[in-house]
Every structure is written in C-alpha cells, then in structure tokens.
Amino acid sequence: MKEVFEWLLPPRSNATNSKFISLRSDLILTTITKLESRIAERFPESGLSRVCAEFNMLARQSESLMRQMSEPIWVVRIIAFGAAFLLLGLSIWVMFQMFSTFRWGGDNVHDFLQSSEAVINELIFLALALYFLVNLEQRLKRRVALNALHRLRSIAHVVDMHQLTKDPAFVLSPMKNTESSPERTLTKPLLTRYLDYCSEILALIAKIAALYAQNTDDEVVLASVNDLESLTQGLSSKIWQKIMILDLADA
C-alpha cells in the first residue's frame, strides 16, 4: 500500500531539489538573447535578425504573462464564488419554502409531481451556472494562453518564410537567374549557418510554448502546445534536410 501512495503522490522534496525536472524561463530567455546577438553579428540588417528580435520581445512578454497566470485572480474568484453561493443559497431557500408550504393529500400529488419536475429543471440549470462560475478563472487564463500561443505560431511561420528561398541546389549548382528570381548572395557556409539559426529559433519557440504547459492541466492549452511543438518539429525537419544536403555535398 505504501508503494502505491508513493507512486500516486511522489515526495515533493525530489521535485524541489532537482535542477532538471522543469524548464527555467530565465535560461531560455538568455539563450534567445544570445541567439539574437549571434544572428545580428553574422547577418546584420537581415530579415531573420529582425524576426529573432521580435521573438525575443515576445518571449519576454510571455515570461511575464506566465508569472501573472501562475497567481490567482482574486477579483474573479471572489465574484465567481460569491455568485455561486448566492445562487446555491437562493435555490435552497426556494426549495425550503416549497416543501414547507406544501400540504400532503390525495389531491396534491399531481401538483407535487409538477413542482418536483420544475425543481429538477432548475437544479440542472443551477449546476450549469455553478460550473460556469467555478471555472471562470480557468477559462480566462486559457484564453490568454491561447492568444499567446497563436502569436508564437505566427512567428514560426514567419521563420519558415525566411528559409523558404534558401535552396541548397542554387549554391551547389548555380543556375541563371530570371527576372523574378529571389536574390541569393549567401555562400555555402553562410547558408548552412543561416539555416541552423532558423532551426534554433523554431526550437526555442517550442520551448517557450512548453512553459505554458508546464504548470497547467488544461487540456485545451496542452493540446495547443502539442500542436505548436509538432509544427516547429515539422518545419525544423525541412530545414535539416537542406543542411544535410549541404553537408553531404562535401563528402
């Protein structure tokens, strides 16, 4: 029996003393800032540098937002629970009044059944109202988290657009440009580094998204985080295919 309880409720001391059981937002932000500096130094005035700078700002906003979300919203809690107790008390008072004034008799059975049906319907609506009020804070936090994850998803697609025209085929076997051809000035080492930076940004986007899922059990938020991680992994796989083509060309 003791082993069962230890499996269901592991000791808190293990989680508190461990340094590698959760993501640390401060270290992730430091990595993003360093990546922004690396891109700016290697590719100054590039679009990817501006994208990373905006992502750095968004990541810091997300970190501040997650700190606020970890705290209870007392105003919402007080209003929600106050309204819930008011509804519950009102329903109990109505039921007490109904049963206290009711007189049992053969002629009153039909009226009692109708009153009972009305009471059951009211109890159903009361349960729905209580459920709405009790979960109001969670839904508000869910909405904020989903909006933030949507912005991270947009940044990931922007990164994918920047690497879209970075085709290793034009570096390994140059072709004649047309009037509509994009400008390609990167050499093979620079192209490899550019693609590697894109992959790093996508990985860090997934890590910022994972912070939203670290301290919540909201299924909607967890599903959105998983979708974003799948998106970044898929985009990063395309980038690494290009990097592998460039690496295999030297073999």
Protein backbone atom coordinates (compact mmCIF):
# COMPACT_ATOMS: atom_id res chain seq x y z
CA MET A 1 0.00 0.00 0.00
CA LYS A 2 2.84 2.38 0.78
CA GLU A 3 4.35 1.84 -2.66
CA VAL A 4 1.00 2.67 -4.27
CA PHE A 5 0.75 6.01 -2.44
CA GLU A 6 4.36 6.86 -3.28
CA TRP A 7 3.61 6.19 -6.95
CA LEU A 8 0.44 8.33 -6.90
CA LEU A 9 1.92 11.10 -4.75
CA PRO A 10 5.71 11.22 -5.16
CA PRO A 11 7.64 13.11 -2.48
CA ARG A 12 7.80 16.86 -3.11
CA SER A 13 11.41 17.02 -1.99
CA ASN A 14 12.59 15.26 -5.12
CA ALA A 15 10.91 17.82 -7.35
CA THR A 16 12.17 20.73 -5.26
CA ASN A 17 15.81 19.67 -5.15
CA SER A 18 16.09 18.66 -8.79
CA LYS A 19 17.51 21.20 -11.23
CA PHE A 20 16.50 19.35 -14.38
CA ILE A 21 12.86 18.47 -13.79
CA SER A 22 11.39 21.68 -15.26
CA LEU A 23 12.21 24.35 -17.80
CA ARG A 24 13.70 27.59 -16.48
CA SER A 25 12.36 30.64 -18.26
CA ASP A 26 15.34 32.83 -17.33
CA LEU A 27 17.81 30.47 -19.02
CA ILE A 28 15.62 30.20 -22.10
CA LEU A 29 15.45 34.00 -22.36
CA THR A 30 19.22 34.20 -22.01
CA THR A 31 19.62 31.71 -24.86
CA ILE A 32 17.22 33.70 -27.06
CA THR A 33 19.08 36.95 -26.38
CA LYS A 34 22.38 35.32 -27.22
CA LEU A 35 20.92 33.87 -30.42
CA GLU A 36 19.65 37.32 -31.41
CA SER A 37 23.18 38.72 -30.97
CA ARG A 38 24.70 35.87 -32.98
CA ILE A 39 22.32 36.43 -35.89
CA ALA A 40 22.80 40.21 -35.80
CA GLU A 41 26.59 39.80 -35.86
CA ARG A 42 26.59 37.20 -38.64
CA PHE A 43 23.75 38.65 -40.74
CA PRO A 44 23.39 42.35 -39.86
CA GLU A 45 20.30 44.13 -41.17
CA SER A 46 18.82 40.80 -42.26
CA GLY A 47 15.15 39.93 -42.01
CA LEU A 48 15.94 36.94 -39.82
CA SER A 49 17.70 39.21 -37.34
CA ARG A 50 14.60 41.38 -37.03
CA VAL A 51 12.40 38.30 -36.66
CA CYS A 52 14.57 36.99 -33.82
CA ALA A 53 14.50 40.41 -32.12
CA GLU A 54 10.70 40.40 -32.25
CA PHE A 55 10.65 36.82 -30.98
CA ASN A 56 12.90 37.85 -28.08
CA MET A 57 10.45 40.60 -27.16
CA LEU A 58 7.52 38.19 -27.45
CA ALA A 59 9.31 35.60 -25.31
CA ARG A 60 9.87 38.15 -22.54
CA GLN A 61 6.24 39.18 -22.68
CA SER A 62 5.29 35.52 -22.46
CA GLU A 63 7.51 35.02 -19.42
CA SER A 64 5.89 37.99 -17.66
CA LEU A 65 2.46 36.74 -18.69
CA MET A 66 3.12 33.26 -17.31
CA ARG A 67 4.17 34.72 -13.95
CA GLN A 68 0.86 36.57 -13.79
CA MET A 69 -1.09 33.47 -14.83
CA SER A 70 0.51 31.44 -12.04
CA GLU A 71 -1.10 33.75 -9.49
CA PRO A 72 -4.80 33.50 -8.64
CA ILE A 73 -7.12 36.22 -9.99
CA TRP A 74 -8.72 37.10 -6.67
CA VAL A 75 -11.29 39.50 -8.11
CA VAL A 76 -12.65 36.82 -10.43
CA ARG A 77 -12.55 34.19 -7.68
CA ILE A 78 -14.41 36.37 -5.18
CA ILE A 79 -17.08 37.34 -7.69
CA ALA A 80 -17.47 33.80 -9.03
CA PHE A 81 -17.68 32.08 -5.67
CA GLY A 82 -19.89 34.84 -4.25
CA ALA A 83 -22.34 34.44 -7.12
CA ALA A 84 -22.17 30.65 -6.80
CA PHE A 85 -23.01 30.73 -3.08
CA LEU A 86 -25.77 33.26 -3.75
CA LEU A 87 -27.37 31.02 -6.36
CA LEU A 88 -26.98 27.97 -4.16
CA GLY A 89 -28.47 29.72 -1.16
CA LEU A 90 -31.36 31.08 -3.21
CA SER A 91 -32.14 27.62 -4.58
CA ILE A 92 -32.08 26.06 -1.11
CA TRP A 93 -34.40 28.80 0.18
CA VAL A 94 -36.86 28.27 -2.70
CA MET A 95 -36.92 24.51 -2.13
CA PHE A 96 -37.41 25.01 1.62
CA GLN A 97 -40.30 27.38 1.01
CA MET A 98 -41.91 24.97 -1.42
CA PHE A 99 -41.74 21.94 0.85
CA SER A 100 -42.68 23.88 3.98
CA THR A 101 -45.88 25.23 2.44
CA PHE A 102 -46.84 22.02 0.69
CA ARG A 103 -49.67 20.00 2.23
CA TRP A 104 -49.76 16.28 1.59
CA GLY A 105 -53.01 14.88 0.32
CA GLY A 106 -54.54 12.88 -2.46
CA ASP A 107 -55.45 15.96 -4.46
CA ASN A 108 -51.97 17.46 -4.16
CA VAL A 109 -49.94 14.59 -5.62
CA HIS A 110 -50.25 15.90 -9.17
CA ASP A 111 -49.17 19.38 -8.09
CA PHE A 112 -46.25 17.88 -6.18
CA LEU A 113 -45.04 15.98 -9.24
CA GLN A 114 -45.22 19.10 -11.38
CA SER A 115 -43.35 21.09 -8.74
CA SER A 116 -40.72 18.37 -8.46
CA GLU A 117 -40.17 18.41 -12.22
CA ALA A 118 -39.74 22.18 -12.13
CA VAL A 119 -37.29 21.88 -9.23
CA ILE A 120 -35.23 19.26 -11.11
CA ASN A 121 -35.01 21.53 -14.16
CA GLU A 122 -33.94 24.43 -12.01
CA LEU A 123 -31.29 22.25 -10.33
CA ILE A 124 -29.89 21.33 -13.74
CA PHE A 125 -29.61 24.98 -14.75
CA LEU A 126 -28.15 25.76 -11.33
CA ALA A 127 -25.46 23.08 -11.80
CA LEU A 128 -24.55 24.54 -15.21
CA ALA A 129 -24.37 28.04 -13.74
CA LEU A 130 -22.18 26.85 -10.87
CA TYR A 131 -19.89 25.02 -13.28
CA PHE A 132 -19.57 28.18 -15.38
CA LEU A 133 -18.76 30.37 -12.37
CA VAL A 134 -16.30 27.97 -10.73
CA ASN A 135 -14.34 27.52 -13.98
CA LEU A 136 -14.44 31.19 -14.99
CA GLU A 137 -10.87 31.89 -13.89
CA GLN A 138 -9.52 28.86 -15.74
CA ARG A 139 -11.28 29.89 -18.95
CA LEU A 140 -9.89 33.41 -18.72
CA LYS A 141 -6.36 32.09 -18.28
CA ARG A 142 -6.94 29.62 -21.12
CA ARG A 143 -7.95 32.43 -23.46
CA VAL A 144 -4.84 34.43 -22.61
CA ALA A 145 -2.60 31.38 -23.12
CA LEU A 146 -4.19 30.50 -26.46
CA ASN A 147 -3.71 34.05 -27.74
CA ALA A 148 -0.05 33.97 -26.74
CA LEU A 149 0.44 30.55 -28.38
CA HIS A 150 -1.18 31.90 -31.55
CA ARG A 151 1.45 34.66 -31.71
CA LEU A 152 4.20 32.09 -31.27
CA ARG A 153 2.67 30.03 -34.08
CA SER A 154 2.73 33.10 -36.33
CA ILE A 155 6.43 33.68 -35.56
CA ALA A 156 7.17 30.06 -36.51
CA HIS A 157 5.51 30.53 -39.91
CA VAL A 158 7.46 33.76 -40.44
CA VAL A 159 10.72 31.91 -39.78
CA ASP A 160 9.67 29.28 -42.31
CA MET A 161 9.04 32.01 -44.90
CA HIS A 162 12.57 33.36 -44.41
CA GLN A 163 14.17 29.98 -45.13
CA LEU A 164 11.81 29.17 -47.99
CA THR A 165 14.04 30.53 -50.76
CA LYS A 166 17.28 29.31 -49.16
CA ASP A 167 17.65 26.38 -51.54
CA PRO A 168 20.98 24.49 -51.38
CA ALA A 169 20.59 23.49 -55.04
CA PHE A 170 21.38 27.04 -56.16
CA VAL A 171 24.60 27.01 -54.13
CA LEU A 172 25.79 23.57 -55.21
CA SER A 173 24.90 24.04 -58.88
CA PRO A 174 24.32 27.71 -59.72
CA MET A 175 21.70 28.45 -62.33
CA LYS A 176 20.93 31.54 -64.35
CA ASN A 177 18.55 33.85 -62.53
CA THR A 178 15.33 35.08 -64.07
CA GLU A 179 13.71 38.46 -63.56
CA SER A 180 11.56 37.05 -60.74
CA SER A 181 14.31 35.04 -59.04
CA PRO A 182 14.97 35.97 -55.39
CA GLU A 183 18.32 37.44 -54.51
CA ARG A 184 20.74 34.72 -53.40
CA THR A 185 24.06 36.04 -52.12
CA LEU A 186 24.87 33.52 -49.38
CA THR A 187 27.82 31.23 -49.77
CA LYS A 188 27.63 27.61 -48.72
CA PRO A 189 29.00 28.13 -45.16
CA LEU A 190 26.77 31.16 -44.62
CA LEU A 191 23.73 29.33 -45.97
CA THR A 192 24.37 26.45 -43.57
CA ARG A 193 24.68 28.89 -40.67
CA TYR A 194 21.51 30.74 -41.75
CA LEU A 195 19.50 27.52 -41.85
CA ASP A 196 20.93 26.47 -38.50
CA TYR A 197 19.79 29.77 -36.96
CA CYS A 198 16.28 29.20 -38.33
CA SER A 199 16.22 25.75 -36.73
CA GLU A 200 17.36 27.18 -33.39
CA ILE A 201 14.61 29.81 -33.41
CA LEU A 202 11.99 27.14 -34.08
CA ALA A 203 13.34 25.00 -31.23
CA LEU A 204 13.20 27.95 -28.84
CA ILE A 205 9.65 28.78 -29.93
CA ALA A 206 8.67 25.26 -28.89
CA LYS A 207 10.41 25.74 -25.53
CA ILE A 208 8.55 29.00 -24.83
CA ALA A 209 5.30 27.23 -25.73
CA ALA A 210 6.19 24.36 -23.38
CA LEU A 211 6.37 26.85 -20.50
CA TYR A 212 2.63 27.42 -20.85
CA ALA A 213 2.02 23.68 -20.39
CA GLN A 214 4.47 23.26 -17.52
CA ASN A 215 2.17 24.34 -14.69
CA THR A 216 -1.30 23.64 -16.05
CA ASP A 217 -3.54 20.65 -16.62
CA ASP A 218 -5.89 22.47 -19.01
CA GLU A 219 -6.48 20.01 -21.85
CA VAL A 220 -7.13 22.76 -24.40
CA VAL A 221 -3.85 24.54 -23.61
CA LEU A 222 -1.92 21.26 -23.59
CA ALA A 223 -3.37 20.31 -26.98
CA SER A 224 -2.45 23.71 -28.43
CA VAL A 225 1.10 23.40 -27.09
CA ASN A 226 1.44 19.92 -28.59
CA ASP A 227 0.19 21.21 -31.95
CA LEU A 228 2.72 24.04 -31.88
CA GLU A 229 5.54 21.64 -31.00
CA SER A 230 4.52 19.37 -33.89
CA LEU A 231 4.51 22.39 -36.20
CA THR A 232 8.00 23.52 -35.19
CA GLN A 233 9.35 19.98 -35.45
CA GLY A 234 7.93 19.62 -38.96
CA LEU A 235 9.36 22.97 -40.09
CA SER A 236 12.71 22.19 -38.50
CA SER A 237 12.83 18.81 -40.28
CA LYS A 238 12.58 20.56 -43.64
CA ILE A 239 15.43 22.86 -42.66
CA TRP A 240 17.64 19.99 -41.55
CA GLN A 241 17.07 18.25 -44.86
CA LYS A 242 18.64 21.27 -46.55
CA ILE A 243 21.53 21.28 -44.05
CA MET A 244 22.16 17.58 -44.69
CA ILE A 245 22.25 18.19 -48.45
CA LEU A 246 24.91 20.84 -47.91
CA ASP A 247 26.92 18.60 -45.58
CA LEU A 248 26.74 15.58 -47.88
CA ALA A 249 27.98 17.68 -50.78
CA ASP A 250 31.41 17.83 -49.10
CA ALA A 251 31.57 14.06 -48.62
